Amino acid sequence: MRLGAVALDLSPMILLIGLYLLQIINSAVFFSA
């Protein structure tokens, strides 16, 4: 089991989660303003 292959498998999911969190933060800032 190579760590590089696992990281490559997980990176798209990590990017999706990051975009999702950014969207939540942006909407929270928008609603609180």
Protein backbone atom coordinates (compact mmCIF):
# COMPACT_ATOMS: atom_id res chain seq x y z
CA MET A 1 0.00 0.00 0.00
CA ARG A 2 1.70 3.18 -1.19
CA LEU A 3 0.91 6.48 0.49
CA GLY A 4 1.17 8.42 -2.79
CA ALA A 5 -1.60 6.38 -4.43
CA VAL A 6 -3.86 6.88 -1.42
CA ALA A 7 -3.21 10.63 -1.45
CA LEU A 8 -4.05 10.79 -5.16
CA ASP A 9 -7.28 8.89 -4.50
CA LEU A 10 -8.26 11.23 -1.67
CA SER A 11 -7.27 14.56 -3.22
CA PRO A 12 -10.47 15.04 -5.31
CA MET A 13 -12.57 14.37 -2.20
CA ILE A 14 -10.47 16.82 -0.17
CA LEU A 15 -10.92 19.47 -2.89
CA LEU A 16 -14.69 18.92 -2.94
CA ILE A 17 -14.89 19.18 0.86
CA GLY A 18 -12.80 22.37 0.77
CA LEU A 19 -15.07 23.96 -1.84
CA TYR A 20 -18.12 22.91 0.17
CA LEU A 21 -16.72 24.48 3.34
CA LEU A 22 -15.86 27.69 1.47
CA GLN A 23 -19.43 27.87 0.17
CA ILE A 24 -20.81 27.45 3.70
CA ILE A 25 -18.48 30.14 5.07
CA ASN A 26 -19.38 32.53 2.24
CA SER A 27 -23.11 32.05 2.81
CA ALA A 28 -22.68 32.50 6.57
CA VAL A 29 -20.82 35.79 6.01
CA PHE A 30 -23.48 36.86 3.50
CA PHE A 31 -26.34 36.16 5.91
CA SER A 32 -24.64 37.81 8.88
CA ALA A 33 -23.84 40.98 6.93
